């Protein structure tokens, strides 16, 4: 019985336990191999989740990953997410802001500074659009975009696989790393580079870690698979040949191991020191596991879970977030990550 529980409440709790005992049996379910459970060694009520990331204090190590672009409900989604970040000390990336390069018709869908306060807030453009701006000598549009949104910086999403599968996709003329370097020479703002669901291999991570960008977001295989999504949109009897591409990529576990390996290998050559681990993060347990495993300042990113509740209402989104944070506190208090 808890310290504040009445006898009749305790009786109902015992009745619930009896009725639910058999349905709660963990038959043929393996124990989570990632953690040691240490019930004597923590206190969730006194667990501090603060972390220093991107030069600011995150109250909780959670990043709301880019997810909305020109959708009909973009303003509602972004407003709910921005308000959440402000209240709980999180950070947020917008979905693609490509349409704002040509006009401000949908500016209010993305202009979230009044809602997010001083929390980290990044605009987002794809590598194909950035390549075009470089070729056309219009990189000033990037600075204008960051300024009009009063954003902290730019997320560059690198998505050659998605563009290849997309019926109306853009084909790249240059390796993305070259475009990123050219953008860095022209744009004076913080830069985060991410993939969009396939993750990145060792050589790509090495190239990014040695650039003075502000963060890498893994966007690993295991979350939303945009290559598969675009394949479903192809209206061609031969499109199924491309289905093999949908299974190509690197999951978060592999990418964390690669990042740790490269940090040891590159040493002082590492110029990017912040990692957003995203892609396949389904729960606070996944997020806690990866930020404990990576040997660099990190937060974990989620998109679809927040999107699902942001579409309903701010109140439902906040309730979900409260449960998520309490689970994260319990994880940090009582779980120790195994050396596996």
C-alpha atoms as a PDB file:
ATOM      1  CA  UNK A   1       0.000   0.000   0.000  1.00  0.00           C
ATOM      2  CA  UNK A   2       1.351   3.437  -0.849  1.00  0.00           C
ATOM      3  CA  UNK A   3       1.782   6.043   1.895  1.00  0.00           C
ATOM      4  CA  UNK A   4      -1.346   7.929   0.752  1.00  0.00           C
ATOM      5  CA  UNK A   5      -3.576   5.031  -0.259  1.00  0.00           C
ATOM      6  CA  UNK A   6      -6.892   4.304   1.508  1.00  0.00           C
ATOM      7  CA  UNK A   7      -7.837   0.716   2.515  1.00  0.00           C
ATOM      8  CA  UNK A   8     -10.670   0.471  -0.049  1.00  0.00           C
ATOM      9  CA  UNK A   9      -8.264   1.577  -2.781  1.00  0.00           C
ATOM     10  CA  UNK A  10      -5.828  -1.124  -1.717  1.00  0.00           C
ATOM     11  CA  UNK A  11      -8.615  -3.703  -1.846  1.00  0.00           C
ATOM     12  CA  UNK A  12      -9.515  -2.720  -5.408  1.00  0.00           C
ATOM     13  CA  UNK A  13      -5.838  -2.871  -6.363  1.00  0.00           C
ATOM     14  CA  UNK A  14      -5.556  -6.435  -5.010  1.00  0.00           C
ATOM     15  CA  UNK A  15      -8.718  -7.428  -6.865  1.00  0.00           C
ATOM     16  CA  UNK A  16      -7.252  -6.016 -10.085  1.00  0.00           C
ATOM     17  CA  UNK A  17      -4.050  -7.945  -9.493  1.00  0.00           C
ATOM     18  CA  UNK A  18      -5.911 -11.233  -9.117  1.00  0.00           C
ATOM     19  CA  UNK A  19      -8.051 -10.685 -12.212  1.00  0.00           C
ATOM     20  CA  UNK A  20      -5.086  -9.657 -14.362  1.00  0.00           C
ATOM     21  CA  UNK A  21      -2.516 -12.168 -13.102  1.00  0.00           C
ATOM     22  CA  UNK A  22      -2.980 -14.755 -15.810  1.00  0.00           C
ATOM     23  CA  UNK A  23      -3.184 -12.286 -18.695  1.00  0.00           C
ATOM     24  CA  UNK A  24       0.077 -10.700 -17.546  1.00  0.00           C
ATOM     25  CA  UNK A  25       2.102 -13.900 -17.720  1.00  0.00           C
ATOM     26  CA  UNK A  26       5.106 -13.384 -20.032  1.00  0.00           C
ATOM     27  CA  UNK A  27       4.790 -16.612 -21.984  1.00  0.00           C
ATOM     28  CA  UNK A  28       7.479 -17.239 -24.599  1.00  0.00           C
ATOM     29  CA  UNK A  29       8.696 -13.626 -24.385  1.00  0.00           C
ATOM     30  CA  UNK A  30      12.433 -13.157 -23.929  1.00  0.00           C
ATOM     31  CA  UNK A  31      13.733 -10.683 -21.363  1.00  0.00           C
ATOM     32  CA  UNK A  32      15.149  -7.475 -22.848  1.00  0.00           C
ATOM     33  CA  UNK A  33      18.863  -8.343 -23.192  1.00  0.00           C
ATOM     34  CA  UNK A  34      20.069  -4.730 -23.194  1.00  0.00           C
ATOM     35  CA  UNK A  35      19.727  -3.935 -19.494  1.00  0.00           C
ATOM     36  CA  UNK A  36      20.584  -4.990 -15.988  1.00  0.00           C
ATOM     37  CA  UNK A  37      17.679  -4.163 -13.694  1.00  0.00           C
ATOM     38  CA  UNK A  38      19.008  -2.735 -10.422  1.00  0.00           C
ATOM     39  CA  UNK A  39      15.978  -2.093  -8.174  1.00  0.00           C
ATOM     40  CA  UNK A  40      18.080  -1.089  -5.148  1.00  0.00           C
ATOM     41  CA  UNK A  41      20.214   1.597  -6.728  1.00  0.00           C
ATOM     42  CA  UNK A  42      18.028   4.495  -7.817  1.00  0.00           C
ATOM     43  CA  UNK A  43      15.115   6.826  -7.181  1.00  0.00           C
ATOM     44  CA  UNK A  44      12.965   7.972 -10.079  1.00  0.00           C
ATOM     45  CA  UNK A  45      11.700  10.965  -8.074  1.00  0.00           C
ATOM     46  CA  UNK A  46      15.239  12.316  -7.794  1.00  0.00           C
ATOM     47  CA  UNK A  47      16.386  11.504 -11.339  1.00  0.00           C
ATOM     48  CA  UNK A  48      17.714  14.448 -13.326  1.00  0.00           C
ATOM     49  CA  UNK A  49      17.400  14.106 -17.112  1.00  0.00           C
ATOM     50  CA  UNK A  50      19.118  17.383 -18.029  1.00  0.00           C
ATOM     51  CA  UNK A  51      21.785  17.289 -20.724  1.00  0.00           C
ATOM     52  CA  UNK A  52      23.912  19.904 -22.494  1.00  0.00           C
ATOM     53  CA  UNK A  53      23.307  19.650 -26.224  1.00  0.00           C
ATOM     54  CA  UNK A  54      23.809  22.114 -29.091  1.00  0.00           C
ATOM     55  CA  UNK A  55      25.085  24.651 -26.590  1.00  0.00           C
ATOM     56  CA  UNK A  56      21.916  24.673 -24.488  1.00  0.00           C
ATOM     57  CA  UNK A  57      20.406  22.696 -21.629  1.00  0.00           C
ATOM     58  CA  UNK A  58      17.768  20.154 -22.583  1.00  0.00           C
ATOM     59  CA  UNK A  59      15.489  19.396 -19.638  1.00  0.00           C
ATOM     60  CA  UNK A  60      14.910  15.984 -21.208  1.00  0.00           C
ATOM     61  CA  UNK A  61      17.153  14.360 -23.869  1.00  0.00           C
ATOM     62  CA  UNK A  62      14.448  14.288 -26.534  1.00  0.00           C
ATOM     63  CA  UNK A  63      14.462  15.768 -30.035  1.00  0.00           C
ATOM     64  CA  UNK A  64      11.288  16.020 -32.085  1.00  0.00           C
ATOM     65  CA  UNK A  65      12.530  14.976 -35.504  1.00  0.00           C
ATOM     66  CA  UNK A  66      11.471  16.622 -38.766  1.00  0.00           C
ATOM     67  CA  UNK A  67       8.184  15.273 -40.024  1.00  0.00           C
ATOM     68  CA  UNK A  68       5.811  17.850 -41.498  1.00  0.00           C
ATOM     69  CA  UNK A  69       6.071  19.773 -44.730  1.00  0.00           C
ATOM     70  CA  UNK A  70       3.181  21.102 -46.754  1.00  0.00           C
ATOM     71  CA  UNK A  71       0.513  18.925 -45.154  1.00  0.00           C
ATOM     72  CA  UNK A  72      -2.921  20.394 -44.603  1.00  0.00           C
ATOM     73  CA  UNK A  73      -2.568  20.156 -40.823  1.00  0.00           C
ATOM     74  CA  UNK A  74       1.054  21.336 -40.676  1.00  0.00           C
ATOM     75  CA  UNK A  75       0.268  24.447 -38.651  1.00  0.00           C
ATOM     76  CA  UNK A  76      -1.660  22.534 -35.999  1.00  0.00           C
ATOM     77  CA  UNK A  77       1.009  19.846 -35.775  1.00  0.00           C
ATOM     78  CA  UNK A  78       3.922  22.279 -35.606  1.00  0.00           C
ATOM     79  CA  UNK A  79       2.164  24.533 -33.089  1.00  0.00           C
ATOM     80  CA  UNK A  80       1.418  21.634 -30.742  1.00  0.00           C
ATOM     81  CA  UNK A  81       4.959  20.316 -31.010  1.00  0.00           C
ATOM     82  CA  UNK A  82       6.533  23.747 -30.496  1.00  0.00           C
ATOM     83  CA  UNK A  83       4.442  24.394 -27.385  1.00  0.00           C
ATOM     84  CA  UNK A  84       5.489  20.999 -26.044  1.00  0.00           C
ATOM     85  CA  UNK A  85       9.186  21.748 -26.619  1.00  0.00           C
ATOM     86  CA  UNK A  86       8.861  25.045 -24.791  1.00  0.00           C
ATOM     87  CA  UNK A  87       7.183  23.508 -21.753  1.00  0.00           C
ATOM     88  CA  UNK A  88       9.398  20.435 -21.427  1.00  0.00           C
ATOM     89  CA  UNK A  89      12.762  21.815 -22.555  1.00  0.00           C
ATOM     90  CA  UNK A  90      13.130  19.829 -25.795  1.00  0.00           C
ATOM     91  CA  UNK A  91      14.370  20.663 -29.320  1.00  0.00           C
ATOM     92  CA  UNK A  92      12.615  20.464 -32.678  1.00  0.00           C
ATOM     93  CA  UNK A  93      13.271  20.227 -36.391  1.00  0.00           C
ATOM     94  CA  UNK A  94      10.698  21.329 -38.941  1.00  0.00           C
ATOM     95  CA  UNK A  95       9.727  19.293 -41.956  1.00  0.00           C
ATOM     96  CA  UNK A  96      10.900  20.432 -45.381  1.00  0.00           C
ATOM     97  CA  UNK A  97      10.547  24.193 -45.813  1.00  0.00           C
ATOM     98  CA  UNK A  98      11.143  24.061 -49.564  1.00  0.00           C
ATOM     99  CA  UNK A  99       7.930  25.936 -50.378  1.00  0.00           C
ATOM    100  CA  UNK A 100       9.089  28.951 -48.368  1.00  0.00           C
ATOM    101  CA  UNK A 101      11.977  29.485 -50.779  1.00  0.00           C
ATOM    102  CA  UNK A 102       9.553  30.800 -53.408  1.00  0.00           C
ATOM    103  CA  UNK A 103       6.882  32.607 -51.366  1.00  0.00           C
ATOM    104  CA  UNK A 104       5.537  33.142 -47.866  1.00  0.00           C
ATOM    105  CA  UNK A 105       2.032  31.829 -48.506  1.00  0.00           C
ATOM    106  CA  UNK A 106       2.469  29.064 -45.922  1.00  0.00           C
ATOM    107  CA  UNK A 107       4.850  30.900 -43.591  1.00  0.00           C
ATOM    108  CA  UNK A 108       2.451  30.703 -40.649  1.00  0.00           C
ATOM    109  CA  UNK A 109       2.567  26.887 -40.863  1.00  0.00           C
ATOM    110  CA  UNK A 110       6.257  26.972 -39.966  1.00  0.00           C
ATOM    111  CA  UNK A 111       6.767  30.193 -37.998  1.00  0.00           C
ATOM    112  CA  UNK A 112       6.843  28.691 -34.510  1.00  0.00           C
ATOM    113  CA  UNK A 113       9.253  30.906 -32.573  1.00  0.00           C
ATOM    114  CA  UNK A 114       6.473  32.527 -30.534  1.00  0.00           C
ATOM    115  CA  UNK A 115       5.345  29.067 -29.422  1.00  0.00           C
ATOM    116  CA  UNK A 116       8.696  27.392 -28.877  1.00  0.00           C
ATOM    117  CA  UNK A 117      10.320  30.263 -26.998  1.00  0.00           C
ATOM    118  CA  UNK A 118      14.101  29.995 -26.772  1.00  0.00           C
ATOM    119  CA  UNK A 119      14.243  26.241 -27.365  1.00  0.00           C
ATOM    120  CA  UNK A 120      16.395  24.888 -30.272  1.00  0.00           C
ATOM    121  CA  UNK A 121      14.380  25.209 -33.464  1.00  0.00           C
ATOM    122  CA  UNK A 122      15.699  24.306 -36.925  1.00  0.00           C
ATOM    123  CA  UNK A 123      14.401  24.798 -40.436  1.00  0.00           C
ATOM    124  CA  UNK A 124      14.884  22.020 -43.000  1.00  0.00           C
ATOM    125  CA  UNK A 125      15.838  21.721 -46.689  1.00  0.00           C
ATOM    126  CA  UNK A 126      16.676  18.752 -48.870  1.00  0.00           C
ATOM    127  CA  UNK A 127      20.051  18.227 -50.486  1.00  0.00           C
ATOM    128  CA  UNK A 128      18.516  18.504 -53.981  1.00  0.00           C
ATOM    129  CA  UNK A 129      17.153  21.987 -53.244  1.00  0.00           C
ATOM    130  CA  UNK A 130      20.482  23.036 -51.766  1.00  0.00           C
ATOM    131  CA  UNK A 131      22.380  21.752 -54.806  1.00  0.00           C
ATOM    132  CA  UNK A 132      20.057  23.819 -56.989  1.00  0.00           C
ATOM    133  CA  UNK A 133      20.578  26.968 -54.887  1.00  0.00           C
ATOM    134  CA  UNK A 134      24.353  26.530 -55.099  1.00  0.00           C
ATOM    135  CA  UNK A 135      24.264  26.030 -58.876  1.00  0.00           C
ATOM    136  CA  UNK A 136      22.009  29.050 -59.350  1.00  0.00           C
ATOM    137  CA  UNK A 137      24.086  31.176 -56.962  1.00  0.00           C
ATOM    138  CA  UNK A 138      21.075  31.776 -54.744  1.00  0.00           C
ATOM    139  CA  UNK A 139      22.411  30.528 -51.407  1.00  0.00           C
ATOM    140  CA  UNK A 140      21.306  33.836 -49.867  1.00  0.00           C
ATOM    141  CA  UNK A 141      17.821  32.275 -49.865  1.00  0.00           C
ATOM    142  CA  UNK A 142      18.984  29.923 -47.109  1.00  0.00           C
ATOM    143  CA  UNK A 143      19.990  32.810 -44.856  1.00  0.00           C
ATOM    144  CA  UNK A 144      16.683  34.502 -45.625  1.00  0.00           C
ATOM    145  CA  UNK A 145      14.774  31.343 -44.697  1.00  0.00           C
ATOM    146  CA  UNK A 146      16.580  30.995 -41.357  1.00  0.00           C
ATOM    147  CA  UNK A 147      16.006  34.680 -40.614  1.00  0.00           C
ATOM    148  CA  UNK A 148      12.301  34.784 -41.530  1.00  0.00           C
ATOM    149  CA  UNK A 149      11.629  31.837 -39.200  1.00  0.00           C
ATOM    150  CA  UNK A 150      13.983  33.165 -36.525  1.00  0.00           C
ATOM    151  CA  UNK A 151      15.417  29.634 -36.521  1.00  0.00           C
ATOM    152  CA  UNK A 152      18.606  28.500 -34.806  1.00  0.00           C
ATOM    153  CA  UNK A 153      19.899  26.804 -37.922  1.00  0.00           C
ATOM    154  CA  UNK A 154      19.368  24.506 -40.866  1.00  0.00           C
ATOM    155  CA  UNK A 155      18.785  20.766 -41.062  1.00  0.00           C
ATOM    156  CA  UNK A 156      20.047  19.308 -44.341  1.00  0.00           C
ATOM    157  CA  UNK A 157      18.213  16.115 -45.183  1.00  0.00           C
ATOM    158  CA  UNK A 158      20.170  13.844 -47.497  1.00  0.00           C
ATOM    159  CA  UNK A 159      17.835  11.502 -49.373  1.00  0.00           C
ATOM    160  CA  UNK A 160      19.228  10.209 -52.691  1.00  0.00           C
ATOM    161  CA  UNK A 161      17.448   6.865 -52.278  1.00  0.00           C
ATOM    162  CA  UNK A 162      14.092   8.534 -51.717  1.00  0.00           C
ATOM    163  CA  UNK A 163      14.615  10.907 -54.644  1.00  0.00           C
ATOM    164  CA  UNK A 164      15.522   7.965 -56.885  1.00  0.00           C
ATOM    165  CA  UNK A 165      12.328   6.117 -56.013  1.00  0.00           C
ATOM    166  CA  UNK A 166      10.119   9.191 -56.221  1.00  0.00           C
ATOM    167  CA  UNK A 167       8.251   9.551 -59.543  1.00  0.00           C
ATOM    168  CA  UNK A 168       8.893  13.308 -59.509  1.00  0.00           C
ATOM    169  CA  UNK A 169      12.208  13.021 -57.651  1.00  0.00           C
ATOM    170  CA  UNK A 170      15.344  15.074 -58.247  1.00  0.00           C
ATOM    171  CA  UNK A 171      18.545  13.366 -59.356  1.00  0.00           C
ATOM    172  CA  UNK A 172      21.728  14.746 -57.826  1.00  0.00           C
ATOM    173  CA  UNK A 173      24.555  16.036 -59.995  1.00  0.00           C
ATOM    174  CA  UNK A 174      27.156  16.064 -57.220  1.00  0.00           C
ATOM    175  CA  UNK A 175      27.948  13.946 -54.161  1.00  0.00           C
ATOM    176  CA  UNK A 176      25.989  15.428 -51.233  1.00  0.00           C
ATOM    177  CA  UNK A 177      29.151  15.912 -49.176  1.00  0.00           C
ATOM    178  CA  UNK A 178      30.398  18.387 -51.799  1.00  0.00           C
ATOM    179  CA  UNK A 179      27.157  20.354 -51.672  1.00  0.00           C
ATOM    180  CA  UNK A 180      27.241  20.389 -47.863  1.00  0.00           C
ATOM    181  CA  UNK A 181      30.765  21.838 -47.902  1.00  0.00           C
ATOM    182  CA  UNK A 182      29.769  24.478 -50.430  1.00  0.00           C
ATOM    183  CA  UNK A 183      26.762  25.426 -48.303  1.00  0.00           C
ATOM    184  CA  UNK A 184      28.981  25.754 -45.240  1.00  0.00           C
ATOM    185  CA  UNK A 185      31.151  28.241 -47.117  1.00  0.00           C
ATOM    186  CA  UNK A 186      28.123  30.376 -47.977  1.00  0.00           C
ATOM    187  CA  UNK A 187      25.817  30.103 -44.962  1.00  0.00           C
ATOM    188  CA  UNK A 188      26.612  31.342 -41.474  1.00  0.00           C
ATOM    189  CA  UNK A 189      24.243  29.337 -39.328  1.00  0.00           C
ATOM    190  CA  UNK A 190      24.189  26.126 -37.321  1.00  0.00           C
ATOM    191  CA  UNK A 191      23.898  23.010 -39.491  1.00  0.00           C
ATOM    192  CA  UNK A 192      22.560  19.531 -38.742  1.00  0.00           C
ATOM    193  CA  UNK A 193      22.838  16.787 -41.360  1.00  0.00           C
ATOM    194  CA  UNK A 194      20.468  13.819 -41.414  1.00  0.00           C
ATOM    195  CA  UNK A 195      19.344  10.983 -43.657  1.00  0.00           C
ATOM    196  CA  UNK A 196      15.637  10.195 -43.953  1.00  0.00           C
ATOM    197  CA  UNK A 197      15.256   6.570 -42.909  1.00  0.00           C
ATOM    198  CA  UNK A 198      18.031   4.452 -44.396  1.00  0.00           C
ATOM    199  CA  UNK A 199      20.797   5.663 -42.088  1.00  0.00           C
ATOM    200  CA  UNK A 200      24.444   6.108 -43.098  1.00  0.00           C
ATOM    201  CA  UNK A 201      27.468   3.872 -43.455  1.00  0.00           C
ATOM    202  CA  UNK A 202      30.970   4.243 -42.051  1.00  0.00           C
ATOM    203  CA  UNK A 203      32.489   6.384 -44.789  1.00  0.00           C
ATOM    204  CA  UNK A 204      29.614   8.875 -44.803  1.00  0.00           C
ATOM    205  CA  UNK A 205      29.779   9.166 -41.018  1.00  0.00           C
ATOM    206  CA  UNK A 206      33.530   9.681 -41.195  1.00  0.00           C
ATOM    207  CA  UNK A 207      33.080  12.482 -43.715  1.00  0.00           C
ATOM    208  CA  UNK A 208      30.493  14.235 -41.541  1.00  0.00           C
ATOM    209  CA  UNK A 209      32.317  13.807 -38.236  1.00  0.00           C
ATOM    210  CA  UNK A 210      35.329  15.629 -39.644  1.00  0.00           C
ATOM    211  CA  UNK A 211      33.246  18.638 -40.741  1.00  0.00           C
ATOM    212  CA  UNK A 212      32.553  21.515 -38.297  1.00  0.00           C
ATOM    213  CA  UNK A 213      28.796  20.980 -38.408  1.00  0.00           C
ATOM    214  CA  UNK A 214      26.737  21.201 -35.249  1.00  0.00           C
ATOM    215  CA  UNK A 215      25.132  17.754 -35.188  1.00  0.00           C
ATOM    216  CA  UNK A 216      24.486  14.548 -37.088  1.00  0.00           C
ATOM    217  CA  UNK A 217      21.049  12.953 -36.931  1.00  0.00           C
ATOM    218  CA  UNK A 218      21.219   9.243 -37.695  1.00  0.00           C
ATOM    219  CA  UNK A 219      17.667   8.820 -39.115  1.00  0.00           C
ATOM    220  CA  UNK A 220      18.532   5.143 -39.132  1.00  0.00           C
ATOM    221  CA  UNK A 221      16.861   2.202 -40.821  1.00  0.00           C
ATOM    222  CA  UNK A 222      13.950   0.928 -38.759  1.00  0.00           C
ATOM    223  CA  UNK A 223      11.744   3.993 -38.603  1.00  0.00           C
ATOM    224  CA  UNK A 224       9.764   5.480 -41.479  1.00  0.00           C
ATOM    225  CA  UNK A 225      11.166   3.962 -44.682  1.00  0.00           C
ATOM    226  CA  UNK A 226      10.765   6.675 -47.313  1.00  0.00           C
ATOM    227  CA  UNK A 227      12.284   4.523 -50.046  1.00  0.00           C
ATOM    228  CA  UNK A 228       9.492   2.002 -49.461  1.00  0.00           C
ATOM    229  CA  UNK A 229       6.922   4.773 -49.249  1.00  0.00           C
ATOM    230  CA  UNK A 230       7.963   6.159 -52.631  1.00  0.00           C
ATOM    231  CA  UNK A 231       8.034   2.680 -54.164  1.00  0.00           C
ATOM    232  CA  UNK A 232       4.375   2.303 -53.265  1.00  0.00           C
ATOM    233  CA  UNK A 233       3.660   5.483 -55.224  1.00  0.00           C
ATOM    234  CA  UNK A 234       5.341   4.296 -58.421  1.00  0.00           C
ATOM    235  CA  UNK A 235       2.782   3.429 -61.092  1.00  0.00           C
ATOM    236  CA  UNK A 236       4.952   1.205 -63.232  1.00  0.00           C
ATOM    237  CA  UNK A 237       4.755  -2.532 -63.833  1.00  0.00           C
ATOM    238  CA  UNK A 238       8.553  -2.790 -63.511  1.00  0.00           C
ATOM    239  CA  UNK A 239       8.842  -0.761 -60.291  1.00  0.00           C
ATOM    240  CA  UNK A 240       8.968  -3.880 -58.140  1.00  0.00           C
ATOM    241  CA  UNK A 241      12.541  -4.375 -59.372  1.00  0.00           C
ATOM    242  CA  UNK A 242      13.508  -1.506 -57.075  1.00  0.00           C
ATOM    243  CA  UNK A 243      12.076  -3.183 -53.977  1.00  0.00           C
ATOM    244  CA  UNK A 244      15.524  -4.526 -53.030  1.00  0.00           C
ATOM    245  CA  UNK A 245      16.571  -0.957 -52.239  1.00  0.00           C
ATOM    246  CA  UNK A 246      13.996  -0.759 -49.450  1.00  0.00           C
ATOM    247  CA  UNK A 247      16.019  -3.213 -47.349  1.00  0.00           C
ATOM    248  CA  UNK A 248      19.311  -1.351 -47.724  1.00  0.00           C
ATOM    249  CA  UNK A 249      20.533   0.747 -44.815  1.00  0.00           C
ATOM    250  CA  UNK A 250      22.013   0.894 -41.325  1.00  0.00           C
ATOM    251  CA  UNK A 251      20.026   0.636 -38.102  1.00  0.00           C
ATOM    252  CA  UNK A 252      20.607   2.749 -35.005  1.00  0.00           C
ATOM    253  CA  UNK A 253      22.556   0.039 -33.201  1.00  0.00           C
ATOM    254  CA  UNK A 254      25.043  -0.297 -36.069  1.00  0.00           C
ATOM    255  CA  UNK A 255      25.374   3.469 -36.454  1.00  0.00           C
ATOM    256  CA  UNK A 256      26.074   4.015 -32.749  1.00  0.00           C
ATOM    257  CA  UNK A 257      28.831   1.399 -32.903  1.00  0.00           C
ATOM    258  CA  UNK A 258      30.281   3.068 -36.005  1.00  0.00           C
ATOM    259  CA  UNK A 259      30.206   6.509 -34.394  1.00  0.00           C
ATOM    260  CA  UNK A 260      32.013   5.211 -31.287  1.00  0.00           C
ATOM    261  CA  UNK A 261      34.579   3.449 -33.455  1.00  0.00           C
ATOM    262  CA  UNK A 262      35.192   6.527 -35.595  1.00  0.00           C
ATOM    263  CA  UNK A 263      35.508   8.788 -32.566  1.00  0.00           C
ATOM    264  CA  UNK A 264      38.371   6.609 -31.303  1.00  0.00           C
ATOM    265  CA  UNK A 265      39.949   6.386 -34.736  1.00  0.00           C
ATOM    266  CA  UNK A 266      39.707  10.060 -35.703  1.00  0.00           C
ATOM    267  CA  UNK A 267      40.426  11.577 -32.257  1.00  0.00           C
ATOM    268  CA  UNK A 268      41.141  15.302 -32.617  1.00  0.00           C
ATOM    269  CA  UNK A 269      39.953  15.240 -36.237  1.00  0.00           C
ATOM    270  CA  UNK A 270      36.366  14.931 -34.959  1.00  0.00           C
ATOM    271  CA  UNK A 271      34.821  18.383 -35.370  1.00  0.00           C
ATOM    272  CA  UNK A 272      31.153  17.440 -34.982  1.00  0.00           C
ATOM    273  CA  UNK A 273      30.422  16.464 -31.391  1.00  0.00           C
ATOM    274  CA  UNK A 274      26.631  16.214 -31.124  1.00  0.00           C
ATOM    275  CA  UNK A 275      24.552  13.199 -32.168  1.00  0.00           C
ATOM    276  CA  UNK A 276      20.778  12.912 -32.514  1.00  0.00           C
ATOM    277  CA  UNK A 277      19.973   9.215 -32.513  1.00  0.00           C
ATOM    278  CA  UNK A 278      16.790   8.573 -34.464  1.00  0.00           C
ATOM    279  CA  UNK A 279      15.275   5.918 -36.675  1.00  0.00           C
ATOM    280  CA  UNK A 280      13.443   3.023 -35.086  1.00  0.00           C
ATOM    281  CA  UNK A 281      13.180   4.635 -31.640  1.00  0.00           C
ATOM    282  CA  UNK A 282       9.844   3.215 -30.523  1.00  0.00           C
ATOM    283  CA  UNK A 283       9.957   3.917 -26.786  1.00  0.00           C
ATOM    284  CA  UNK A 284      11.853   5.578 -23.949  1.00  0.00           C
ATOM    285  CA  UNK A 285      13.733   2.290 -23.445  1.00  0.00           C
ATOM    286  CA  UNK A 286      15.172   2.502 -26.963  1.00  0.00           C
ATOM    287  CA  UNK A 287      16.072   6.155 -26.504  1.00  0.00           C
ATOM    288  CA  UNK A 288      17.696   5.586 -23.119  1.00  0.00           C
ATOM    289  CA  UNK A 289      19.680   2.633 -24.421  1.00  0.00           C
ATOM    290  CA  UNK A 290      21.209   4.516 -27.349  1.00  0.00           C
ATOM    291  CA  UNK A 291      22.115   7.733 -25.536  1.00  0.00           C
ATOM    292  CA  UNK A 292      23.830   5.604 -22.898  1.00  0.00           C
ATOM    293  CA  UNK A 293      25.731   3.639 -25.552  1.00  0.00           C
ATOM    294  CA  UNK A 294      27.017   6.497 -27.721  1.00  0.00           C
ATOM    295  CA  UNK A 295      30.222   8.151 -26.487  1.00  0.00           C
ATOM    296  CA  UNK A 296      29.287  11.677 -27.521  1.00  0.00           C
ATOM    297  CA  UNK A 297      26.810  14.308 -26.298  1.00  0.00           C
ATOM    298  CA  UNK A 298      23.458  13.058 -27.543  1.00  0.00           C
ATOM    299  CA  UNK A 299      19.692  13.201 -27.473  1.00  0.00           C
ATOM    300  CA  UNK A 300      17.286  10.826 -29.170  1.00  0.00           C
ATOM    301  CA  UNK A 301      14.827  11.772 -31.859  1.00  0.00           C
ATOM    302  CA  UNK A 302      11.297  10.553 -32.483  1.00  0.00           C
ATOM    303  CA  UNK A 303       8.808  11.595 -35.134  1.00  0.00           C
ATOM    304  CA  UNK A 304       5.847   9.294 -35.760  1.00  0.00           C
ATOM    305  CA  UNK A 305       4.855   8.852 -32.104  1.00  0.00           C
ATOM    306  CA  UNK A 306       4.743  12.596 -31.484  1.00  0.00           C
ATOM    307  CA  UNK A 307       3.011  13.169 -34.814  1.00  0.00           C
ATOM    308  CA  UNK A 308       0.267  10.686 -33.973  1.00  0.00           C
ATOM    309  CA  UNK A 309      -0.710  12.538 -30.807  1.00  0.00           C
ATOM    310  CA  UNK A 310      -0.044  16.055 -32.120  1.00  0.00           C
ATOM    311  CA  UNK A 311      -2.710  15.380 -34.736  1.00  0.00           C
ATOM    312  CA  UNK A 312      -5.295  14.715 -32.022  1.00  0.00           C
ATOM    313  CA  UNK A 313      -4.768  17.636 -29.646  1.00  0.00           C
ATOM    314  CA  UNK A 314      -2.138  19.352 -27.548  1.00  0.00           C
ATOM    315  CA  UNK A 315      -3.669  17.863 -24.390  1.00  0.00           C
ATOM    316  CA  UNK A 316      -3.313  14.288 -25.647  1.00  0.00           C
ATOM    317  CA  UNK A 317       0.209  15.012 -26.896  1.00  0.00           C
ATOM    318  CA  UNK A 318       1.212  16.357 -23.491  1.00  0.00           C
ATOM    319  CA  UNK A 319      -0.292  13.388 -21.670  1.00  0.00           C
ATOM    320  CA  UNK A 320       1.705  11.023 -23.913  1.00  0.00           C
ATOM    321  CA  UNK A 321       4.868  13.032 -23.252  1.00  0.00           C
ATOM    322  CA  UNK A 322       4.381  12.942 -19.482  1.00  0.00           C
ATOM    323  CA  UNK A 323       4.134   9.142 -19.549  1.00  0.00           C
ATOM    324  CA  UNK A 324       7.171   8.963 -21.819  1.00  0.00           C
ATOM    325  CA  UNK A 325       9.278  11.154 -19.525  1.00  0.00           C
ATOM    326  CA  UNK A 326       8.267   9.229 -16.400  1.00  0.00           C
ATOM    327  CA  UNK A 327       9.303   6.014 -18.165  1.00  0.00           C
ATOM    328  CA  UNK A 328      12.621   7.608 -19.062  1.00  0.00           C
ATOM    329  CA  UNK A 329      13.177   8.601 -15.421  1.00  0.00           C
ATOM    330  CA  UNK A 330      12.487   5.034 -14.303  1.00  0.00           C
ATOM    331  CA  UNK A 331      14.914   3.742 -16.916  1.00  0.00           C
ATOM    332  CA  UNK A 332      17.725   6.014 -15.796  1.00  0.00           C
ATOM    333  CA  UNK A 333      17.080   5.278 -12.117  1.00  0.00           C
ATOM    334  CA  UNK A 334      16.950   1.503 -12.257  1.00  0.00           C
ATOM    335  CA  UNK A 335      18.403   0.223 -15.539  1.00  0.00           C
ATOM    336  CA  UNK A 336      22.083  -0.136 -16.364  1.00  0.00           C
ATOM    337  CA  UNK A 337      23.042  -0.759 -19.972  1.00  0.00           C
ATOM    338  CA  UNK A 338      24.935  -4.003 -20.494  1.00  0.00           C
ATOM    339  CA  UNK A 339      28.204  -4.163 -22.399  1.00  0.00           C
ATOM    340  CA  UNK A 340      26.819  -5.986 -25.434  1.00  0.00           C
END
